[in-house]
Structure formats: C-alpha cells, structure tokens
Amino acid sequence: MILIKRKLSWSWVSATTMANAYKTCGSALSETEFEMVKHIIDMPELEELRLSECSIYKVPYNLRTVNDDAYTPQWISIGPIHLTKHQLKPMQEHKKRYFHCFWERVSNEQAMKSFKHYLQDKEENIRECYADKFPDIPREKFVDMMLLDAVFIMELLLRNCHWKSERSKHEHDYKQTKSFRVKHSDDLILTQSWLCKNITRDLILLENQIPFFVLQRLYDTVVPSESKKDEHSAGFVDLAIEYFAFYDTQMSSSDETKRVLDKNQSRKNYFSGSLRSSKKYSKSKNKDRCNKSTKHFTDLIRYDTSFKNK
C-alpha cells in the first residue's frame, strides 16, 4: 500500500499508481475506473478549518422549514448572507443617507480612512467569522459592504440614544408630543414606530450579522466623544443594550409602555444599568467579559438574557 504524506499534493501520483494502490487495498478500481473519479481524489490541500472563529452561519435547514420567515430579514440586509436579496434593496439607499449623516457627525476624514484601512487589513479575519467565506464577493466589495453596514448600525444606535434623551425632555410621563417627530421628520426609521420594530427585529437575526469587534472598533476609534454618553461606562456594549432594550419595551401606546415598565421594575433596572452595577460583578469585569464573549448582536442578546436569569 502506498502511503502519501498529508501535506503533499495528490497531483504527482499517476493514475496508474493510484489505481494499483486501490487494488492493493482491496478496492478493485481499474485504471479506467480511476480516471472517472480521480477529480474527487486529485484535490489541492484543504485549507485549515477554524471552527472557533466561525460564529455567523445560516440557520439549519430543519429549523428553517418550520418557519422560514422567523430566521429571514424582512426589511434590511446586514452582512453578506442576504446581500443580494432583491426585496431588501430599498433600505440600501437609507444606509447611504445614514452614512452621510455619520460622516458629518464625525467630521474627521482621517479617522474614517483609518477605519477602512483597518477593515482591509482584517478582511480575512472578518470572513473567518462566517461559515461561508463568500469567495464570489471581491475583496473591495466585501470591505465596502462591511463599512456601510457598520456605519449604518452605529448611526442608528447613536440617533436612538439622542432620540431617547430628546423624548425625556419633550414628553412628560410618557405622553405623546409631536416636537421630536417634527424635528426629525426626515428620518424614515426613527419616526415610524412600526419600521423601528422591524429593523430591530432584523438586526438580531443570526444570518444578519457582522462581527461585534468591527462595531467596537468603529465606536472606539471614530465616534466623537461628544456623541458618547458618560453613563455608557461599558462603551459600545452599553449603547447596543440601550438600543435593543428601548425597542423591546415599546408598545402600541406610550401610556401602555409606562404601565409595563412600572409593573416590571426589575426588567427596567436591568436594562437601565443595574446589571452592570451589581455587587457580584464590577463594571470593568462585566465590560471585559461581555466584550470577550460577544461575537455579534444575536450573541449579545443571548448573553444578556442568560446573565439576567442567573
């Protein structure tokens, strides 16, 4: 029997030799038969699997067949998995509007260029986070997609944070006023509650993610200090939790929201920061633990939910 070292290519072994080897092993392949299947055996060295780095993948088929819509974004595509879906194209234009607004917010061309260079340097690492490496997406297009999606998410979360602050000024006891909506009437997402909820729902789907470290880098190196809140001691983690908590507690009316929040004080305290100020875990430990373990938004929601229930 012929022993072939793992790291050597199969290509140097002739069809006759391989056929004879199979005969020796008890596999009665003639040379002609081997010629028909050699493309299965004659393969280049397989790339090393990095399963520990892979965290974003398609939902298993058996789950998707139960309820396909539950795992599929309906309004916006984030990341490469659903990038080509025609029905999600309209939101691409709104991403560009948010990109322009973020550019004006930052007012630092060099910081934006540096972040794009970072994405270019980390392109392979980012692809490794996906089960499918998307070889059909060229490097430049992949980086531009990651840049646009990261900036869109960041601008959305920052706007929500500002909106929340403005609402506390313009609305007393959760009673509706028109002041904020009139001021921000050009924002399709934040001024349409039904769209806010649908976008938020799409942002936590497993197939609709970009790596958390990309967003963390954007927040740390590009977002100006005046756009960051002092109470966000854990940085981007706090900003993200505040966003998802805000829309998770929205109901059909402000009065109903107030009743729900008042009734479930523990949940309100959890999302407003008591989680990170508990006696068992200091703020710094929580930040380090969450940053190290969180791979994407789906993971963040899962992590915070499990932590809350402990």
Protein backbone atom coordinates (compact mmCIF):
# COMPACT_ATOMS: atom_id res chain seq x y z
CA MET A 1 0.00 0.00 0.00
CA ILE A 2 1.29 3.44 -0.91
CA LEU A 3 1.47 5.94 1.95
CA ILE A 4 1.07 9.55 0.89
CA LYS A 5 2.07 12.31 3.29
CA ARG A 6 -0.73 14.68 4.25
CA LYS A 7 0.96 17.87 3.11
CA LEU A 8 1.92 16.60 -0.34
CA SER A 9 -0.29 17.25 -3.34
CA TRP A 10 -2.03 14.29 -4.94
CA SER A 11 -1.15 15.56 -8.38
CA TRP A 12 2.32 13.93 -8.58
CA VAL A 13 0.86 10.43 -8.23
CA SER A 14 -0.06 8.94 -11.61
CA ALA A 15 -3.44 7.47 -12.31
CA THR A 16 -1.87 4.03 -12.83
CA THR A 17 -0.07 4.13 -9.49
CA MET A 18 -3.20 5.22 -7.64
CA ALA A 19 -5.31 2.59 -9.35
CA ASN A 20 -2.79 -0.10 -8.38
CA ALA A 21 -2.78 1.25 -4.83
CA TYR A 22 -6.53 0.84 -4.61
CA LYS A 23 -6.27 -2.71 -5.95
CA THR A 24 -3.68 -3.49 -3.28
CA CYS A 25 -6.10 -2.12 -0.66
CA GLY A 26 -8.86 -4.38 -1.91
CA SER A 27 -10.67 -1.69 -3.95
CA ALA A 28 -10.97 -3.19 -7.37
CA LEU A 29 -10.69 0.04 -9.37
CA SER A 30 -9.29 -0.38 -12.83
CA GLU A 31 -7.22 2.39 -14.37
CA THR A 32 -10.24 3.41 -16.46
CA GLU A 33 -12.49 3.50 -13.41
CA PHE A 34 -9.98 5.57 -11.51
CA GLU A 35 -9.81 8.08 -14.37
CA MET A 36 -13.55 8.63 -13.94
CA VAL A 37 -13.32 9.50 -10.22
CA LYS A 38 -9.85 10.96 -9.87
CA HIS A 39 -11.22 14.51 -9.72
CA ILE A 40 -12.60 13.58 -6.30
CA ILE A 41 -9.20 12.42 -5.08
CA ASP A 42 -6.91 14.71 -7.05
CA MET A 43 -7.53 17.83 -4.98
CA PRO A 44 -5.35 20.61 -3.63
CA GLU A 45 -4.52 20.72 0.06
CA LEU A 46 -7.59 21.75 2.03
CA GLU A 47 -7.41 24.98 3.99
CA GLU A 48 -7.31 24.68 7.74
CA LEU A 49 -10.70 24.81 9.45
CA ARG A 50 -11.01 27.49 12.13
CA LEU A 51 -14.26 26.49 13.73
CA SER A 52 -13.58 28.51 16.89
CA GLU A 53 -13.61 31.72 14.84
CA CYS A 54 -16.82 30.91 12.95
CA SER A 55 -19.86 32.43 14.66
CA ILE A 56 -22.19 33.61 11.86
CA TYR A 57 -23.90 30.99 9.73
CA LYS A 58 -27.13 30.02 8.08
CA VAL A 59 -29.85 28.55 10.25
CA PRO A 60 -30.05 24.74 9.86
CA TYR A 61 -32.47 23.56 7.22
CA ASN A 62 -34.66 21.59 9.65
CA LEU A 63 -35.32 24.76 11.68
CA ARG A 64 -35.91 26.94 8.66
CA THR A 65 -38.54 24.58 7.24
CA VAL A 66 -40.66 25.07 10.37
CA ASN A 67 -40.87 28.84 9.94
CA ASP A 68 -38.66 30.38 7.27
CA ASP A 69 -39.73 33.97 8.00
CA ALA A 70 -38.60 33.69 11.60
CA TYR A 71 -34.96 33.45 10.50
CA THR A 72 -35.01 35.69 7.43
CA PRO A 73 -34.63 39.51 7.44
CA GLN A 74 -37.71 41.23 6.05
CA TRP A 75 -36.51 44.82 5.73
CA ILE A 76 -32.75 45.22 5.82
CA SER A 77 -29.70 43.17 4.94
CA ILE A 78 -26.67 43.30 7.25
CA GLY A 79 -23.55 41.41 6.26
CA PRO A 80 -23.03 39.18 3.21
CA ILE A 81 -25.55 36.35 3.66
CA HIS A 82 -28.61 38.25 2.41
CA LEU A 83 -26.76 40.94 0.49
CA THR A 84 -28.22 40.03 -2.89
CA LYS A 85 -31.87 39.72 -1.80
CA HIS A 86 -33.86 41.96 -4.15
CA GLN A 87 -36.62 42.70 -1.64
CA LEU A 88 -34.08 44.20 0.79
CA LYS A 89 -32.55 46.61 -1.75
CA PRO A 90 -34.73 49.66 -0.87
CA MET A 91 -33.04 50.01 2.53
CA GLN A 92 -29.62 50.26 0.86
CA GLU A 93 -30.44 53.86 -0.05
CA HIS A 94 -31.29 54.64 3.55
CA LYS A 95 -27.98 53.13 4.62
CA LYS A 96 -26.25 55.65 2.37
CA ARG A 97 -28.21 58.52 3.96
CA TYR A 98 -27.10 57.37 7.39
CA PHE A 99 -23.52 57.06 6.13
CA HIS A 100 -23.62 60.69 5.01
CA CYS A 101 -25.04 61.77 8.38
CA PHE A 102 -22.35 59.80 10.23
CA TRP A 103 -19.67 61.40 8.06
CA GLU A 104 -20.93 64.83 9.08
CA ARG A 105 -21.18 63.74 12.71
CA VAL A 106 -17.57 62.57 12.76
CA SER A 107 -16.07 65.44 10.74
CA ASN A 108 -12.79 63.51 10.71
CA GLU A 109 -11.85 62.21 7.29
CA GLN A 110 -8.62 60.66 8.56
CA ALA A 111 -10.44 58.64 11.23
CA MET A 112 -12.81 57.24 8.60
CA LYS A 113 -9.94 56.40 6.26
CA SER A 114 -8.10 54.67 9.10
CA PHE A 115 -11.17 52.59 9.89
CA LYS A 116 -11.48 51.50 6.28
CA HIS A 117 -7.80 50.54 6.27
CA TYR A 118 -8.48 48.52 9.41
CA LEU A 119 -11.27 46.65 7.59
CA GLN A 120 -8.95 45.99 4.66
CA ASP A 121 -6.29 44.60 6.99
CA LYS A 122 -8.83 42.45 8.84
CA GLU A 123 -10.76 41.30 5.79
CA GLU A 124 -9.63 37.67 6.09
CA ASN A 125 -10.33 37.62 9.82
CA ILE A 126 -13.81 39.01 9.20
CA ARG A 127 -14.52 36.37 6.55
CA GLU A 128 -13.40 33.70 9.02
CA CYS A 129 -16.32 34.71 11.25
CA TYR A 130 -18.71 33.35 8.60
CA ALA A 131 -19.29 29.68 7.85
CA ASP A 132 -19.45 30.62 4.16
CA LYS A 133 -16.37 32.63 3.16
CA PHE A 134 -18.17 34.19 0.16
CA PRO A 135 -15.42 33.75 -2.45
CA ASP A 136 -17.75 35.28 -5.05
CA ILE A 137 -17.62 38.65 -3.26
CA PRO A 138 -14.43 40.51 -4.27
CA ARG A 139 -12.25 41.98 -1.54
CA GLU A 140 -13.10 45.60 -2.31
CA LYS A 141 -16.85 44.95 -2.39
CA PHE A 142 -16.67 42.95 0.84
CA VAL A 143 -14.84 45.78 2.65
CA ASP A 144 -17.22 48.44 1.32
CA MET A 145 -20.21 46.35 2.42
CA MET A 146 -18.75 45.95 5.91
CA LEU A 147 -18.02 49.69 6.12
CA LEU A 148 -21.52 50.72 5.02
CA ASP A 149 -23.28 48.27 7.34
CA ALA A 150 -21.12 49.13 10.36
CA VAL A 151 -21.64 52.87 9.89
CA PHE A 152 -25.39 52.41 9.39
CA ILE A 153 -25.70 50.45 12.63
CA MET A 154 -23.60 52.94 14.56
CA GLU A 155 -25.55 55.96 13.30
CA LEU A 156 -28.84 54.18 14.07
CA LEU A 157 -27.79 53.42 17.65
CA LEU A 158 -26.45 56.94 18.22
CA ARG A 159 -29.63 58.50 16.84
CA ASN A 160 -31.75 56.29 19.04
CA CYS A 161 -29.71 57.36 22.05
CA HIS A 162 -30.25 61.02 21.15
CA TRP A 163 -33.94 60.38 20.48
CA LYS A 164 -34.33 58.81 23.89
CA SER A 165 -32.77 61.88 25.52
CA GLU A 166 -34.93 64.23 23.48
CA ARG A 167 -38.09 62.34 24.34
CA SER A 168 -37.34 62.68 28.04
CA LYS A 169 -37.20 66.44 27.52
CA HIS A 170 -40.28 66.75 25.31
CA GLU A 171 -42.51 64.11 26.81
CA HIS A 172 -43.64 64.11 30.40
CA ASP A 173 -44.94 60.91 31.95
CA TYR A 174 -44.75 59.14 28.58
CA LYS A 175 -47.44 61.30 26.96
CA GLN A 176 -47.01 61.81 23.25
CA THR A 177 -45.93 65.15 21.76
CA LYS A 178 -45.04 65.97 18.18
CA SER A 179 -41.92 68.04 18.87
CA PHE A 180 -39.32 65.35 18.26
CA ARG A 181 -41.03 63.81 15.23
CA VAL A 182 -41.39 67.21 13.58
CA LYS A 183 -37.73 67.99 14.20
CA HIS A 184 -36.63 64.64 12.79
CA SER A 185 -39.28 64.21 10.12
CA ASP A 186 -36.62 63.29 7.54
CA ASP A 187 -35.66 60.13 9.45
CA LEU A 188 -37.72 57.32 7.97
CA ILE A 189 -36.71 54.77 10.58
CA LEU A 190 -36.96 56.60 13.90
CA THR A 191 -40.17 58.42 13.05
CA GLN A 192 -42.03 55.27 12.04
CA SER A 193 -42.52 53.05 15.08
CA TRP A 194 -43.55 50.01 13.03
CA LEU A 195 -40.38 50.30 10.94
CA CYS A 196 -38.24 50.76 14.07
CA LYS A 197 -39.50 47.46 15.43
CA ASN A 198 -38.98 45.62 12.14
CA ILE A 199 -35.45 46.94 11.71
CA THR A 200 -34.62 45.98 15.29
CA ARG A 201 -36.01 42.52 14.71
CA ASP A 202 -33.85 42.10 11.61
CA LEU A 203 -30.73 43.28 13.47
CA ILE A 204 -30.81 40.39 15.94
CA LEU A 205 -31.20 37.59 13.38
CA LEU A 206 -28.25 35.22 13.26
CA GLU A 207 -27.96 35.33 9.47
CA ASN A 208 -27.98 39.13 9.50
CA GLN A 209 -24.83 39.93 11.47
CA ILE A 210 -21.40 41.49 11.20
CA PRO A 211 -18.69 40.75 13.78
CA PHE A 212 -19.03 42.65 17.05
CA PHE A 213 -15.35 43.61 17.06
CA VAL A 214 -15.89 45.63 13.86
CA LEU A 215 -18.55 47.77 15.55
CA GLN A 216 -16.48 48.03 18.71
CA ARG A 217 -13.53 49.33 16.70
CA LEU A 218 -15.71 51.90 14.92
CA TYR A 219 -17.11 53.14 18.24
CA ASP A 220 -13.71 53.31 19.96
CA THR A 221 -11.73 54.98 17.18
CA VAL A 222 -14.18 57.02 15.10
CA VAL A 223 -17.25 58.05 17.11
CA PRO A 224 -16.51 61.51 18.60
CA SER A 225 -16.52 61.87 22.38
CA GLU A 226 -19.42 64.35 22.31
CA SER A 227 -21.62 61.59 20.82
CA LYS A 228 -20.86 59.24 23.72
CA LYS A 229 -22.81 59.29 26.99
CA ASP A 230 -20.97 59.33 30.31
CA GLU A 231 -23.28 56.68 31.73
CA HIS A 232 -22.18 54.27 28.99
CA SER A 233 -19.31 53.05 31.13
CA ALA A 234 -19.01 49.84 29.11
CA GLY A 235 -18.81 51.79 25.86
CA PHE A 236 -20.41 50.27 22.79
CA VAL A 237 -21.87 47.37 24.78
CA ASP A 238 -24.00 49.84 26.77
CA LEU A 239 -25.06 51.70 23.63
CA ALA A 240 -26.19 48.47 21.96
CA ILE A 241 -28.06 47.16 25.02
CA GLU A 242 -29.83 50.51 25.40
CA TYR A 243 -31.00 50.36 21.78
CA PHE A 244 -32.39 46.84 21.93
CA ALA A 245 -33.96 47.41 25.35
CA PHE A 246 -35.64 50.60 24.17
CA TYR A 247 -37.42 48.92 21.29
CA ASP A 248 -38.08 45.71 23.14
CA THR A 249 -40.21 47.68 25.63
CA GLN A 250 -42.13 49.74 23.05
CA MET A 251 -45.85 49.03 22.95
CA SER A 252 -48.76 50.37 20.91
CA SER A 253 -49.11 53.45 23.12
CA SER A 254 -46.91 55.43 25.49
CA ASP A 255 -49.33 55.00 28.40
CA GLU A 256 -49.22 51.25 27.99
CA THR A 257 -45.43 51.37 27.88
CA LYS A 258 -45.37 53.19 31.18
CA ARG A 259 -47.64 50.62 32.82
CA VAL A 260 -45.49 47.74 31.58
CA LEU A 261 -42.28 49.37 32.76
CA ASP A 262 -43.75 50.23 36.14
CA LYS A 263 -45.07 46.71 36.56
CA ASN A 264 -41.79 45.08 35.63
CA GLN A 265 -39.34 47.23 37.59
CA SER A 266 -36.68 44.55 37.66
CA ARG A 267 -36.54 44.46 33.89
CA LYS A 268 -36.34 48.25 33.73
CA ASN A 269 -33.49 48.25 36.24
CA TYR A 270 -31.71 45.54 34.31
CA PHE A 271 -31.72 47.46 31.04
CA SER A 272 -31.03 50.84 32.65
CA GLY A 273 -27.75 49.67 34.11
CA SER A 274 -28.25 47.70 37.30
CA LEU A 275 -26.88 44.64 35.51
CA ARG A 276 -23.53 46.29 35.19
CA SER A 277 -23.53 47.72 38.73
CA SER A 278 -24.39 44.53 40.61
CA LYS A 279 -22.32 43.62 43.66
CA LYS A 280 -21.24 40.33 42.18
CA TYR A 281 -19.69 41.83 39.05
CA SER A 282 -17.95 45.18 38.81
CA LYS A 283 -18.46 47.37 35.74
CA SER A 284 -14.99 46.68 34.42
CA LYS A 285 -15.36 42.92 34.79
CA ASN A 286 -18.71 42.98 33.05
CA LYS A 287 -17.29 45.02 30.21
CA ASP A 288 -14.33 42.69 29.73
CA ARG A 289 -16.47 39.57 29.98
CA CYS A 290 -19.10 40.84 27.56
CA ASN A 291 -16.58 42.17 25.04
CA LYS A 292 -14.64 38.93 25.03
CA SER A 293 -17.65 36.62 24.72
CA THR A 294 -19.88 38.62 22.38
CA LYS A 295 -19.47 37.74 18.72
CA HIS A 296 -22.42 39.70 17.28
CA PHE A 297 -25.81 41.16 18.25
CA THR A 298 -27.52 37.76 18.39
CA ASP A 299 -24.85 36.71 20.84
CA LEU A 300 -25.24 39.93 22.85
CA ILE A 301 -28.98 39.36 23.33
CA ARG A 302 -28.37 35.73 24.26
CA TYR A 303 -25.57 36.66 26.66
CA ASP A 304 -27.53 39.37 28.47
CA THR A 305 -30.63 37.19 28.73
CA SER A 306 -28.73 34.26 30.23
CA PHE A 307 -26.82 36.59 32.56
CA LYS A 308 -30.06 38.19 33.74
CA ASN A 309 -31.62 34.83 34.55
CA LYS A 310 -28.74 33.65 36.69
